[in-house]
Amino acid sequence: MARVELHIDYAEVGRILKSPSMADAVGAAASAVQASYGGDGRVFVDRYTTDRAAAAVTVVKKNAEGSELLTGELLSAARRVGLEVRG
């Protein structure tokens, strides 16, 4: 079997991770989680960029201290749309 060498173009990978297409894909996944969330409270999506396109899904509700830890509603919403969530 022939030996294969792989060279990663980190600059290009960085450009792809920050691209508008990637931002749209990440934002669409976050919006899908938002739409799939079935619990109480208001759900917000915040898009941002660090070294890559990113998005956060936040649930705000009254008397919710630690409720995600107990119920896992947001985690369940992410799984329903096909996302793999790891800690």
Protein backbone atom coordinates (compact mmCIF):
# COMPACT_ATOMS: atom_id res chain seq x y z
CA MET A 1 0.00 0.00 0.00
CA ALA A 2 1.33 3.45 -0.90
CA ARG A 3 2.14 5.90 1.85
CA VAL A 4 -0.05 9.00 1.87
CA GLU A 5 1.01 12.35 3.28
CA LEU A 6 -1.61 14.79 4.43
CA HIS A 7 -0.93 18.48 4.88
CA ILE A 8 -3.61 20.59 6.52
CA ASP A 9 -3.95 24.17 5.32
CA TYR A 10 -4.86 25.74 8.67
CA ALA A 11 -5.39 29.17 7.16
CA GLU A 12 -7.96 27.74 4.73
CA VAL A 13 -9.68 25.74 7.47
CA GLY A 14 -9.93 28.95 9.52
CA ARG A 15 -11.37 30.83 6.55
CA ILE A 16 -14.01 28.12 6.06
CA LEU A 17 -14.96 28.06 9.76
CA LYS A 18 -15.51 31.85 9.69
CA SER A 19 -17.28 31.93 6.32
CA PRO A 20 -20.83 33.22 5.84
CA SER A 21 -21.91 29.72 4.73
CA MET A 22 -20.66 28.18 7.97
CA ALA A 23 -22.28 30.99 10.00
CA ASP A 24 -25.57 30.28 8.21
CA ALA A 25 -25.30 26.53 8.88
CA VAL A 26 -24.50 27.04 12.57
CA GLY A 27 -27.27 29.63 12.89
CA ALA A 28 -29.75 27.30 11.21
CA ALA A 29 -28.89 24.52 13.67
CA ALA A 30 -29.35 26.90 16.61
CA SER A 31 -32.68 28.11 15.19
CA ALA A 32 -33.82 24.49 14.79
CA VAL A 33 -33.06 23.87 18.47
CA GLN A 34 -34.98 27.03 19.35
CA ALA A 35 -38.00 25.84 17.32
CA SER A 36 -37.82 22.33 18.80
CA TYR A 37 -37.68 23.52 22.43
CA GLY A 38 -40.93 22.53 24.09
CA GLY A 39 -40.42 23.84 27.60
CA ASP A 40 -41.56 27.01 29.31
CA GLY A 41 -39.73 30.27 28.91
CA ARG A 42 -38.37 32.47 26.16
CA VAL A 43 -35.71 31.03 23.89
CA PHE A 44 -33.03 33.22 22.31
CA VAL A 45 -30.40 32.51 19.66
CA ASP A 46 -27.22 34.58 19.73
CA ARG A 47 -24.89 34.29 16.72
CA TYR A 48 -21.26 35.31 17.15
CA THR A 49 -17.77 34.65 15.82
CA THR A 50 -14.64 33.68 17.71
CA ASP A 51 -12.05 31.70 15.79
CA ARG A 52 -15.09 30.18 14.03
CA ALA A 53 -18.79 30.85 13.47
CA ALA A 54 -20.79 30.03 16.59
CA ALA A 55 -24.25 30.35 18.10
CA ALA A 56 -25.71 30.02 21.58
CA VAL A 57 -29.25 28.99 22.48
CA THR A 58 -30.44 30.42 25.79
CA VAL A 59 -33.67 29.81 27.68
CA VAL A 60 -34.92 32.46 30.08
CA LYS A 61 -37.69 31.63 32.53
CA LYS A 62 -38.72 32.59 36.02
CA ASN A 63 -37.58 30.45 38.94
CA ALA A 64 -35.39 28.39 36.62
CA GLU A 65 -32.24 28.07 38.73
CA GLY A 66 -30.74 24.73 37.81
CA SER A 67 -33.83 23.55 35.96
CA GLU A 68 -31.89 22.53 32.83
CA LEU A 69 -29.76 20.31 35.02
CA LEU A 70 -32.89 18.67 36.35
CA THR A 71 -35.05 18.43 33.22
CA GLY A 72 -32.66 18.55 30.24
CA GLU A 73 -35.28 20.28 28.04
CA LEU A 74 -32.73 22.19 25.95
CA LEU A 75 -30.53 19.11 25.61
CA SER A 76 -33.56 17.14 24.42
CA ALA A 77 -34.39 19.84 21.86
CA ALA A 78 -30.85 19.66 20.48
CA ARG A 79 -31.02 15.89 20.20
CA ARG A 80 -34.44 16.05 18.48
CA VAL A 81 -32.89 18.06 15.64
CA GLY A 82 -30.04 15.58 15.28
CA LEU A 83 -27.26 17.34 17.17
CA GLU A 84 -24.79 15.38 19.28
CA VAL A 85 -24.24 17.13 22.59
CA ARG A 86 -21.19 16.28 24.69
CA GLY A 87 -19.90 17.84 27.90
